[in-house]
Amino acid sequence: MFGSFLSWPASPYPETFDFVDLSVAQSMHLRLGEAALFFVFNDSAGALMGNRDRLDRILGPLSPIQCRELVTDLAFVNLNLKERPLYQSSVNLLEETCEIVARLPMFELNELDPLQKGQLMLRALDNVPDGMSFVGHTSASALVAIEAGHMTFLFDDEGNFIGTPFADPDNGTANPATD
């Protein structure tokens, strides 16, 4: 099986390890120190294709919460591939060979539902929002925006990458944007 793999620099942060498993979308994130790794296991690079515009706008290292948003974005695209890749194994016992064959459909997405993205984001954030305050939002309004799929920690209101999303990482203040 062929999936998506992405390695990105991570901002230095006191907690050097993070793990997110969005198994419903066959997606995972692992942060080790200043390395952020992202995996989608069954999409034949569809998640990367579907996020190319967003990935091209990320201009620096990612904070922990930005890593969690990015794995959500990858998972969201994977869940919305209109046609799944098809994998088959071909075994020739006489020649003692085995090959994996993939039928890759044209890249096309279903109609996207921001509520589905919001549910994935809540799962990826897990308990993170509980102890955070949000610039320009109450905790309640931030959670509503996250759940609705309308909050981003990656980009500001003009679509530019947020290079320093935490006003104060010691107290967990986030400076998100909503669309």
N, C-alpha and C. Protein backbone atom coordinates (compact mmCIF):
# COMPACT_ATOMS: atom_id res chain seq x y z
N MET A 1 0.84 -1.17 0.00
CA MET A 1 0.00 0.00 0.00
C MET A 1 0.88 1.24 0.00
N PHE A 2 0.44 2.25 -0.64
CA PHE A 2 1.19 3.48 -0.79
C PHE A 2 0.38 4.61 -0.18
N GLY A 3 0.99 5.38 0.70
CA GLY A 3 0.28 6.46 1.36
C GLY A 3 0.96 7.79 1.15
N SER A 4 0.76 8.69 2.10
CA SER A 4 1.41 10.00 2.10
C SER A 4 2.34 10.05 3.30
N PHE A 5 3.49 10.66 3.10
CA PHE A 5 4.43 10.88 4.19
C PHE A 5 4.96 12.30 4.05
N LEU A 6 5.01 13.00 5.16
CA LEU A 6 5.49 14.37 5.17
C LEU A 6 6.34 14.57 6.41
N SER A 7 7.49 15.17 6.22
CA SER A 7 8.37 15.54 7.32
C SER A 7 8.51 17.05 7.30
N TRP A 8 8.35 17.68 8.48
CA TRP A 8 8.39 19.14 8.55
C TRP A 8 9.13 19.54 9.82
N PRO A 9 9.86 20.65 9.79
CA PRO A 9 10.49 21.11 11.04
C PRO A 9 9.43 21.54 12.06
N ALA A 10 9.70 21.23 13.31
CA ALA A 10 8.81 21.62 14.41
C ALA A 10 9.51 22.67 15.25
N SER A 11 8.74 23.63 15.73
CA SER A 11 9.28 24.66 16.61
C SER A 11 9.79 24.03 17.90
N PRO A 12 10.88 24.57 18.44
CA PRO A 12 11.33 24.07 19.76
C PRO A 12 10.22 24.30 20.77
N TYR A 13 9.98 23.33 21.59
CA TYR A 13 8.91 23.40 22.56
C TYR A 13 9.31 22.57 23.77
N PRO A 14 8.94 22.98 24.97
CA PRO A 14 9.39 22.23 26.16
C PRO A 14 9.03 20.74 26.10
N GLU A 15 7.83 20.40 25.64
CA GLU A 15 7.44 19.00 25.50
C GLU A 15 7.96 18.51 24.15
N THR A 16 8.88 17.55 24.15
CA THR A 16 9.56 17.16 22.91
C THR A 16 8.87 16.03 22.16
N PHE A 17 7.80 15.47 22.73
CA PHE A 17 7.12 14.35 22.09
C PHE A 17 5.63 14.65 21.97
N ASP A 18 5.05 14.27 20.83
CA ASP A 18 3.61 14.35 20.66
C ASP A 18 3.20 13.25 19.69
N PHE A 19 2.00 12.74 19.87
CA PHE A 19 1.47 11.67 19.02
C PHE A 19 -0.02 11.89 18.84
N VAL A 20 -0.48 11.82 17.60
CA VAL A 20 -1.90 11.92 17.28
C VAL A 20 -2.24 10.76 16.36
N ASP A 21 -3.29 10.04 16.70
CA ASP A 21 -3.74 8.91 15.90
C ASP A 21 -5.18 9.16 15.48
N LEU A 22 -5.39 9.43 14.21
CA LEU A 22 -6.74 9.58 13.67
C LEU A 22 -7.02 8.31 12.86
N SER A 23 -7.20 7.21 13.57
CA SER A 23 -7.30 5.90 12.92
C SER A 23 -8.49 5.80 11.97
N VAL A 24 -9.57 6.50 12.24
CA VAL A 24 -10.73 6.47 11.35
C VAL A 24 -10.34 6.93 9.94
N ALA A 25 -9.30 7.75 9.85
CA ALA A 25 -8.83 8.27 8.56
C ALA A 25 -7.46 7.71 8.20
N GLN A 26 -7.03 6.65 8.92
CA GLN A 26 -5.74 6.03 8.64
C GLN A 26 -4.61 7.06 8.63
N SER A 27 -4.63 7.99 9.59
CA SER A 27 -3.68 9.09 9.63
C SER A 27 -3.03 9.19 11.01
N MET A 28 -1.78 9.65 11.02
CA MET A 28 -1.03 9.72 12.26
C MET A 28 -0.01 10.86 12.19
N HIS A 29 0.27 11.42 13.36
CA HIS A 29 1.32 12.44 13.49
C HIS A 29 2.22 12.04 14.65
N LEU A 30 3.52 12.24 14.45
CA LEU A 30 4.51 11.98 15.48
C LEU A 30 5.49 13.14 15.50
N ARG A 31 5.63 13.77 16.67
CA ARG A 31 6.62 14.84 16.81
C ARG A 31 7.68 14.38 17.80
N LEU A 32 8.92 14.43 17.33
CA LEU A 32 10.08 14.08 18.15
C LEU A 32 11.03 15.26 18.11
N GLY A 33 11.09 16.00 19.21
CA GLY A 33 11.96 17.17 19.24
C GLY A 33 11.53 18.18 18.19
N GLU A 34 12.45 18.49 17.29
CA GLU A 34 12.18 19.48 16.26
C GLU A 34 11.86 18.85 14.91
N ALA A 35 11.39 17.61 14.93
CA ALA A 35 10.96 16.92 13.71
C ALA A 35 9.49 16.53 13.84
N ALA A 36 8.70 16.92 12.86
CA ALA A 36 7.28 16.58 12.83
C ALA A 36 7.06 15.64 11.64
N LEU A 37 6.50 14.47 11.92
CA LEU A 37 6.24 13.47 10.89
C LEU A 37 4.75 13.25 10.77
N PHE A 38 4.28 13.14 9.52
CA PHE A 38 2.86 12.97 9.24
C PHE A 38 2.70 11.79 8.29
N PHE A 39 1.72 10.93 8.58
CA PHE A 39 1.50 9.73 7.78
C PHE A 39 0.02 9.59 7.46
N VAL A 40 -0.26 9.22 6.22
CA VAL A 40 -1.59 8.75 5.83
C VAL A 40 -1.31 7.42 5.13
N PHE A 41 -1.93 6.36 5.60
CA PHE A 41 -1.50 5.03 5.21
C PHE A 41 -2.15 4.45 3.96
N ASN A 42 -3.23 5.02 3.46
CA ASN A 42 -3.96 4.32 2.39
C ASN A 42 -4.50 5.24 1.30
N ASP A 43 -3.81 6.31 1.00
CA ASP A 43 -4.37 7.31 0.09
C ASP A 43 -3.61 7.48 -1.22
N SER A 44 -2.48 6.79 -1.39
CA SER A 44 -1.64 6.93 -2.58
C SER A 44 -1.33 8.40 -2.87
N ALA A 45 -0.96 9.12 -1.85
CA ALA A 45 -0.55 10.53 -1.91
C ALA A 45 -1.71 11.50 -2.14
N GLY A 46 -2.94 11.03 -2.05
CA GLY A 46 -4.10 11.91 -2.24
C GLY A 46 -4.17 13.03 -1.22
N ALA A 47 -3.82 12.73 0.04
CA ALA A 47 -3.88 13.76 1.09
C ALA A 47 -2.88 14.88 0.80
N LEU A 48 -1.72 14.53 0.26
CA LEU A 48 -0.74 15.57 -0.10
C LEU A 48 -1.25 16.40 -1.28
N MET A 49 -1.81 15.73 -2.28
CA MET A 49 -2.35 16.46 -3.44
C MET A 49 -3.46 17.42 -3.02
N GLY A 50 -4.35 16.95 -2.14
CA GLY A 50 -5.48 17.76 -1.71
C GLY A 50 -5.10 18.91 -0.80
N ASN A 51 -3.91 18.87 -0.24
CA ASN A 51 -3.46 19.94 0.65
C ASN A 51 -2.30 20.74 0.07
N ARG A 52 -2.01 20.56 -1.20
CA ARG A 52 -0.85 21.23 -1.81
C ARG A 52 -0.87 22.74 -1.59
N ASP A 53 -2.02 23.38 -1.80
CA ASP A 53 -2.10 24.84 -1.62
C ASP A 53 -1.75 25.24 -0.19
N ARG A 54 -2.29 24.52 0.78
CA ARG A 54 -2.01 24.83 2.19
C ARG A 54 -0.54 24.55 2.51
N LEU A 55 -0.02 23.43 2.07
CA LEU A 55 1.38 23.08 2.34
C LEU A 55 2.34 24.11 1.75
N ASP A 56 2.02 24.61 0.57
CA ASP A 56 2.89 25.60 -0.08
C ASP A 56 2.94 26.92 0.69
N ARG A 57 1.92 27.19 1.52
CA ARG A 57 1.87 28.44 2.28
C ARG A 57 2.50 28.33 3.67
N ILE A 58 2.90 27.13 4.08
CA ILE A 58 3.56 26.95 5.37
C ILE A 58 5.04 27.28 5.19
N LEU A 59 5.48 28.36 5.82
CA LEU A 59 6.80 28.91 5.54
C LEU A 59 7.79 28.75 6.68
N GLY A 60 7.51 27.89 7.63
CA GLY A 60 8.44 27.74 8.74
C GLY A 60 8.08 26.56 9.60
N PRO A 61 8.78 26.42 10.72
CA PRO A 61 8.50 25.31 11.64
C PRO A 61 7.09 25.40 12.21
N LEU A 62 6.55 24.25 12.58
CA LEU A 62 5.20 24.16 13.11
C LEU A 62 5.20 24.01 14.63
N SER A 63 4.28 24.69 15.28
CA SER A 63 4.08 24.52 16.72
C SER A 63 3.31 23.22 16.93
N PRO A 64 3.25 22.73 18.16
CA PRO A 64 2.48 21.50 18.42
C PRO A 64 1.02 21.58 17.96
N ILE A 65 0.35 22.69 18.20
CA ILE A 65 -1.06 22.79 17.81
C ILE A 65 -1.19 22.88 16.28
N GLN A 66 -0.22 23.49 15.62
CA GLN A 66 -0.23 23.53 14.16
C GLN A 66 0.00 22.14 13.57
N CYS A 67 0.84 21.34 14.22
CA CYS A 67 1.04 19.96 13.78
C CYS A 67 -0.28 19.19 13.86
N ARG A 68 -1.01 19.41 14.92
CA ARG A 68 -2.29 18.72 15.09
C ARG A 68 -3.30 19.17 14.03
N GLU A 69 -3.26 20.44 13.67
CA GLU A 69 -4.14 20.90 12.59
C GLU A 69 -3.73 20.27 11.26
N LEU A 70 -2.45 20.18 10.99
CA LEU A 70 -2.00 19.63 9.71
C LEU A 70 -2.38 18.15 9.58
N VAL A 71 -2.25 17.36 10.64
CA VAL A 71 -2.67 15.96 10.53
C VAL A 71 -4.18 15.89 10.32
N THR A 72 -4.92 16.82 10.89
CA THR A 72 -6.37 16.90 10.65
C THR A 72 -6.65 17.17 9.18
N ASP A 73 -5.91 18.12 8.59
CA ASP A 73 -6.11 18.45 7.17
C ASP A 73 -5.84 17.24 6.28
N LEU A 74 -4.76 16.51 6.57
CA LEU A 74 -4.43 15.32 5.78
C LEU A 74 -5.51 14.26 5.92
N ALA A 75 -5.97 14.03 7.15
CA ALA A 75 -7.00 13.04 7.41
C ALA A 75 -8.32 13.41 6.72
N PHE A 76 -8.66 14.69 6.77
CA PHE A 76 -9.90 15.18 6.17
C PHE A 76 -9.93 14.91 4.67
N VAL A 77 -8.84 15.20 3.99
CA VAL A 77 -8.78 14.92 2.55
C VAL A 77 -8.86 13.42 2.30
N ASN A 78 -8.13 12.63 3.10
CA ASN A 78 -8.17 11.18 2.90
C ASN A 78 -9.59 10.63 3.02
N LEU A 79 -10.33 11.10 4.00
CA LEU A 79 -11.71 10.63 4.17
C LEU A 79 -12.62 11.06 3.02
N ASN A 80 -12.22 12.08 2.29
CA ASN A 80 -13.09 12.63 1.26
C ASN A 80 -12.62 12.35 -0.17
N LEU A 81 -11.70 11.41 -0.34
CA LEU A 81 -11.34 11.00 -1.70
C LEU A 81 -12.56 10.38 -2.35
N LYS A 82 -12.93 10.88 -3.53
CA LYS A 82 -14.13 10.39 -4.19
C LYS A 82 -13.99 8.92 -4.55
N GLU A 83 -12.82 8.54 -5.04
CA GLU A 83 -12.57 7.14 -5.39
C GLU A 83 -11.27 6.71 -4.73
N ARG A 84 -11.31 5.58 -4.02
CA ARG A 84 -10.15 5.08 -3.29
C ARG A 84 -9.19 4.37 -4.24
N PRO A 85 -7.89 4.45 -3.95
CA PRO A 85 -6.94 3.63 -4.69
C PRO A 85 -7.24 2.14 -4.43
N LEU A 86 -6.96 1.31 -5.42
CA LEU A 86 -7.19 -0.12 -5.29
C LEU A 86 -5.85 -0.83 -5.37
N TYR A 87 -5.54 -1.66 -4.39
CA TYR A 87 -4.27 -2.38 -4.33
C TYR A 87 -4.54 -3.87 -4.48
N GLN A 88 -3.68 -4.54 -5.25
CA GLN A 88 -3.79 -5.98 -5.42
C GLN A 88 -2.40 -6.59 -5.39
N SER A 89 -2.33 -7.81 -4.89
CA SER A 89 -1.07 -8.56 -4.91
C SER A 89 -1.15 -9.59 -6.02
N SER A 90 -0.06 -9.72 -6.75
CA SER A 90 0.03 -10.70 -7.81
C SER A 90 1.20 -11.63 -7.48
N VAL A 91 0.90 -12.92 -7.29
CA VAL A 91 1.91 -13.90 -6.91
C VAL A 91 2.06 -14.91 -8.04
N ASN A 92 3.30 -15.14 -8.46
CA ASN A 92 3.62 -16.15 -9.47
C ASN A 92 4.47 -17.20 -8.78
N LEU A 93 3.86 -18.34 -8.44
CA LEU A 93 4.57 -19.38 -7.70
C LEU A 93 5.64 -20.05 -8.56
N LEU A 94 5.40 -20.16 -9.87
CA LEU A 94 6.39 -20.79 -10.74
C LEU A 94 7.68 -19.97 -10.82
N GLU A 95 7.54 -18.66 -10.92
CA GLU A 95 8.71 -17.78 -11.00
C GLU A 95 9.14 -17.25 -9.64
N GLU A 96 8.39 -17.60 -8.61
CA GLU A 96 8.66 -17.16 -7.24
C GLU A 96 8.78 -15.64 -7.14
N THR A 97 7.77 -14.97 -7.70
CA THR A 97 7.74 -13.51 -7.63
C THR A 97 6.42 -13.05 -7.03
N CYS A 98 6.47 -11.87 -6.49
CA CYS A 98 5.28 -11.26 -5.93
C CYS A 98 5.37 -9.76 -6.20
N GLU A 99 4.29 -9.17 -6.65
CA GLU A 99 4.28 -7.72 -6.84
C GLU A 99 2.95 -7.16 -6.37
N ILE A 100 3.02 -5.93 -5.93
CA ILE A 100 1.82 -5.21 -5.54
C ILE A 100 1.48 -4.25 -6.66
N VAL A 101 0.25 -4.31 -7.11
CA VAL A 101 -0.21 -3.49 -8.20
C VAL A 101 -1.24 -2.51 -7.64
N ALA A 102 -1.15 -1.26 -8.07
CA ALA A 102 -2.10 -0.24 -7.60
C ALA A 102 -2.84 0.37 -8.78
N ARG A 103 -4.14 0.52 -8.62
CA ARG A 103 -4.94 1.26 -9.59
C ARG A 103 -5.26 2.60 -8.95
N LEU A 104 -4.67 3.64 -9.53
CA LEU A 104 -4.81 4.98 -8.95
C LEU A 104 -5.84 5.78 -9.74
N PRO A 105 -6.94 6.13 -9.11
CA PRO A 105 -7.96 6.92 -9.81
C PRO A 105 -7.51 8.36 -9.97
N MET A 106 -8.22 9.09 -10.81
CA MET A 106 -7.98 10.53 -10.91
C MET A 106 -8.29 11.15 -9.55
N PHE A 107 -7.50 12.15 -9.16
CA PHE A 107 -7.73 12.80 -7.87
C PHE A 107 -8.99 13.63 -7.94
N GLU A 108 -9.94 13.30 -7.07
CA GLU A 108 -11.19 14.05 -6.99
C GLU A 108 -11.74 13.88 -5.58
N LEU A 109 -12.29 14.96 -5.04
CA LEU A 109 -12.84 14.93 -3.68
C LEU A 109 -14.35 14.98 -3.70
N ASN A 110 -14.95 14.37 -2.68
CA ASN A 110 -16.38 14.53 -2.43
C ASN A 110 -16.63 15.97 -2.01
N GLU A 111 -17.89 16.35 -1.93
CA GLU A 111 -18.22 17.66 -1.38
C GLU A 111 -17.76 17.69 0.08
N LEU A 112 -17.01 18.72 0.43
CA LEU A 112 -16.40 18.79 1.76
C LEU A 112 -17.37 19.37 2.78
N ASP A 113 -17.42 18.73 3.94
CA ASP A 113 -18.29 19.15 5.04
C ASP A 113 -17.40 19.68 6.17
N PRO A 114 -17.43 20.99 6.44
CA PRO A 114 -16.58 21.52 7.50
C PRO A 114 -16.86 20.91 8.88
N LEU A 115 -18.08 20.42 9.12
CA LEU A 115 -18.38 19.77 10.40
C LEU A 115 -17.55 18.50 10.59
N GLN A 116 -17.33 17.78 9.49
CA GLN A 116 -16.49 16.59 9.57
C GLN A 116 -15.05 16.98 9.92
N LYS A 117 -14.57 18.05 9.31
CA LYS A 117 -13.23 18.54 9.64
C LYS A 117 -13.17 18.97 11.11
N GLY A 118 -14.22 19.62 11.58
CA GLY A 118 -14.27 20.06 12.97
C GLY A 118 -14.20 18.89 13.94
N GLN A 119 -14.90 17.81 13.63
CA GLN A 119 -14.87 16.63 14.50
C GLN A 119 -13.47 16.01 14.52
N LEU A 120 -12.82 15.97 13.36
CA LEU A 120 -11.44 15.47 13.31
C LEU A 120 -10.50 16.37 14.11
N MET A 121 -10.71 17.68 13.99
CA MET A 121 -9.85 18.63 14.71
C MET A 121 -10.03 18.47 16.22
N LEU A 122 -11.27 18.32 16.67
CA LEU A 122 -11.50 18.11 18.10
C LEU A 122 -10.79 16.85 18.58
N ARG A 123 -10.85 15.80 17.77
CA ARG A 123 -10.17 14.55 18.14
C ARG A 123 -8.65 14.75 18.17
N ALA A 124 -8.13 15.46 17.17
CA ALA A 124 -6.67 15.69 17.11
C ALA A 124 -6.20 16.59 18.25
N LEU A 125 -7.02 17.57 18.61
CA LEU A 125 -6.64 18.47 19.69
C LEU A 125 -6.79 17.80 21.05
N ASP A 126 -7.66 16.81 21.13
CA ASP A 126 -7.88 16.03 22.34
C ASP A 126 -8.15 16.97 23.52
N ASN A 127 -7.25 17.08 24.45
CA ASN A 127 -7.48 17.91 25.63
C ASN A 127 -6.79 19.27 25.54
N VAL A 128 -6.17 19.58 24.41
CA VAL A 128 -5.42 20.84 24.29
C VAL A 128 -6.27 22.07 24.57
N PRO A 129 -7.46 22.23 23.97
CA PRO A 129 -8.22 23.48 24.20
C PRO A 129 -8.64 23.70 25.65
N ASP A 130 -8.73 22.64 26.45
CA ASP A 130 -9.20 22.79 27.83
C ASP A 130 -8.38 23.79 28.63
N GLY A 131 -7.07 23.79 28.45
CA GLY A 131 -6.22 24.65 29.24
C GLY A 131 -5.75 25.89 28.50
N MET A 132 -6.35 26.19 27.35
CA MET A 132 -5.89 27.31 26.55
C MET A 132 -6.84 28.49 26.62
N SER A 133 -6.27 29.65 26.38
CA SER A 133 -7.10 30.83 26.11
C SER A 133 -6.82 31.21 24.67
N PHE A 134 -7.77 31.84 24.02
CA PHE A 134 -7.68 32.16 22.61
C PHE A 134 -7.80 33.66 22.42
N VAL A 135 -6.84 34.26 21.73
CA VAL A 135 -6.88 35.69 21.45
C VAL A 135 -8.11 35.97 20.58
N GLY A 136 -8.95 36.89 21.05
CA GLY A 136 -10.14 37.28 20.29
C GLY A 136 -11.32 36.34 20.42
N HIS A 137 -11.22 35.30 21.26
CA HIS A 137 -12.30 34.34 21.43
C HIS A 137 -12.40 33.95 22.90
N THR A 138 -13.61 33.71 23.34
CA THR A 138 -13.77 33.04 24.63
C THR A 138 -13.47 31.56 24.38
N SER A 139 -13.21 30.83 25.42
CA SER A 139 -12.98 29.38 25.26
C SER A 139 -14.18 28.72 24.60
N ALA A 140 -15.38 29.12 25.01
CA ALA A 140 -16.60 28.53 24.45
C ALA A 140 -16.74 28.83 22.97
N SER A 141 -16.51 30.10 22.57
CA SER A 141 -16.65 30.44 21.14
C SER A 141 -15.55 29.79 20.31
N ALA A 142 -14.37 29.63 20.90
CA ALA A 142 -13.29 28.94 20.18
C ALA A 142 -13.65 27.49 19.93
N LEU A 143 -14.20 26.82 20.93
CA LEU A 143 -14.60 25.43 20.76
C LEU A 143 -15.71 25.27 19.73
N VAL A 144 -16.64 26.22 19.69
CA VAL A 144 -17.71 26.20 18.68
C VAL A 144 -17.09 26.35 17.29
N ALA A 145 -16.14 27.27 17.13
CA ALA A 145 -15.49 27.48 15.84
C ALA A 145 -14.67 26.26 15.42
N ILE A 146 -13.99 25.64 16.37
CA ILE A 146 -13.22 24.43 16.07
C ILE A 146 -14.16 23.32 15.62
N GLU A 147 -15.22 23.10 16.39
CA GLU A 147 -16.18 22.04 16.07
C GLU A 147 -16.85 22.25 14.72
N ALA A 148 -17.07 23.51 14.36
CA ALA A 148 -17.69 23.83 13.07
C ALA A 148 -16.71 23.73 11.90
N GLY A 149 -15.42 23.51 12.22
CA GLY A 149 -14.42 23.40 11.17
C GLY A 149 -13.97 24.73 10.61
N HIS A 150 -14.12 25.81 11.40
CA HIS A 150 -13.82 27.14 10.90
C HIS A 150 -12.67 27.83 11.61
N MET A 151 -11.87 27.10 12.37
CA MET A 151 -10.74 27.74 13.05
C MET A 151 -9.45 27.15 12.52
N THR A 152 -8.47 28.03 12.32
CA THR A 152 -7.16 27.58 11.90
C THR A 152 -6.08 28.18 12.80
N PHE A 153 -5.08 27.39 13.08
CA PHE A 153 -3.90 27.84 13.81
C PHE A 153 -2.71 27.98 12.87
N LEU A 154 -2.92 27.62 11.60
CA LEU A 154 -1.85 27.68 10.59
C LEU A 154 -1.79 29.02 9.88
N PHE A 155 -2.95 29.63 9.62
CA PHE A 155 -3.00 30.82 8.78
C PHE A 155 -3.82 31.93 9.43
N ASP A 156 -3.42 33.16 9.16
CA ASP A 156 -4.17 34.30 9.69
C ASP A 156 -5.38 34.58 8.79
N ASP A 157 -6.11 35.65 9.10
CA ASP A 157 -7.32 35.96 8.36
C ASP A 157 -7.07 36.28 6.90
N GLU A 158 -5.83 36.64 6.54
CA GLU A 158 -5.48 36.92 5.14
C GLU A 158 -4.91 35.68 4.44
N GLY A 159 -4.82 34.55 5.15
CA GLY A 159 -4.31 33.32 4.56
C GLY A 159 -2.80 33.17 4.65
N ASN A 160 -2.14 34.03 5.43
CA ASN A 160 -0.69 33.95 5.59
C ASN A 160 -0.33 33.03 6.74
N PHE A 161 0.76 32.32 6.60
CA PHE A 161 1.23 31.41 7.64
C PHE A 161 1.50 32.17 8.93
N ILE A 162 1.04 31.63 10.05
CA ILE A 162 1.28 32.21 11.37
C ILE A 162 2.57 31.59 11.89
N GLY A 163 3.65 32.36 11.83
CA GLY A 163 4.95 31.82 12.22
C GLY A 163 5.11 31.67 13.71
N THR A 164 4.39 32.47 14.49
CA THR A 164 4.46 32.37 15.95
C THR A 164 3.04 32.34 16.49
N PRO A 165 2.40 31.16 16.47
CA PRO A 165 0.99 31.09 16.86
C PRO A 165 0.73 31.27 18.34
N PHE A 166 1.76 31.16 19.17
CA PHE A 166 1.55 31.28 20.59
C PHE A 166 2.07 32.62 21.07
N ALA A 167 1.16 33.44 21.59
CA ALA A 167 1.60 34.70 22.19
C ALA A 167 2.42 34.40 23.43
N ASP A 168 2.03 33.37 24.16
CA ASP A 168 2.75 32.99 25.37
C ASP A 168 2.65 31.48 25.55
N PRO A 169 3.65 30.72 25.05
CA PRO A 169 3.56 29.27 25.14
C PRO A 169 3.55 28.74 26.56
N ASP A 170 4.02 29.52 27.53
CA ASP A 170 4.03 29.05 28.91
C ASP A 170 2.62 28.96 29.49
N ASN A 171 1.70 29.84 29.00
CA ASN A 171 0.35 29.74 29.54
C ASN A 171 -0.66 29.25 28.51
N GLY A 172 -0.19 28.84 27.32
CA GLY A 172 -1.07 28.23 26.33
C GLY A 172 -2.02 29.18 25.65
N THR A 173 -1.59 30.41 25.40
CA THR A 173 -2.43 31.35 24.67
C THR A 173 -2.23 31.15 23.18
N ALA A 174 -3.30 30.94 22.45
CA ALA A 174 -3.24 30.74 21.01
C ALA A 174 -3.82 31.95 20.30
N ASN A 175 -3.29 32.23 19.13
CA ASN A 175 -3.77 33.34 18.31
C ASN A 175 -4.29 32.78 16.99
N PRO A 176 -5.50 32.19 17.00
CA PRO A 176 -6.03 31.53 15.80
C PRO A 176 -6.78 32.51 14.90
N ALA A 177 -7.15 32.01 13.73
CA ALA A 177 -8.00 32.76 12.80
C ALA A 177 -9.23 31.92 12.54
N THR A 178 -10.32 32.55 12.17
CA THR A 178 -11.52 31.83 11.79
C THR A 178 -11.91 32.29 10.40
N ASP A 179 -12.55 31.37 9.66
CA ASP A 179 -13.02 31.76 8.31
C ASP A 179 -14.51 31.87 8.27
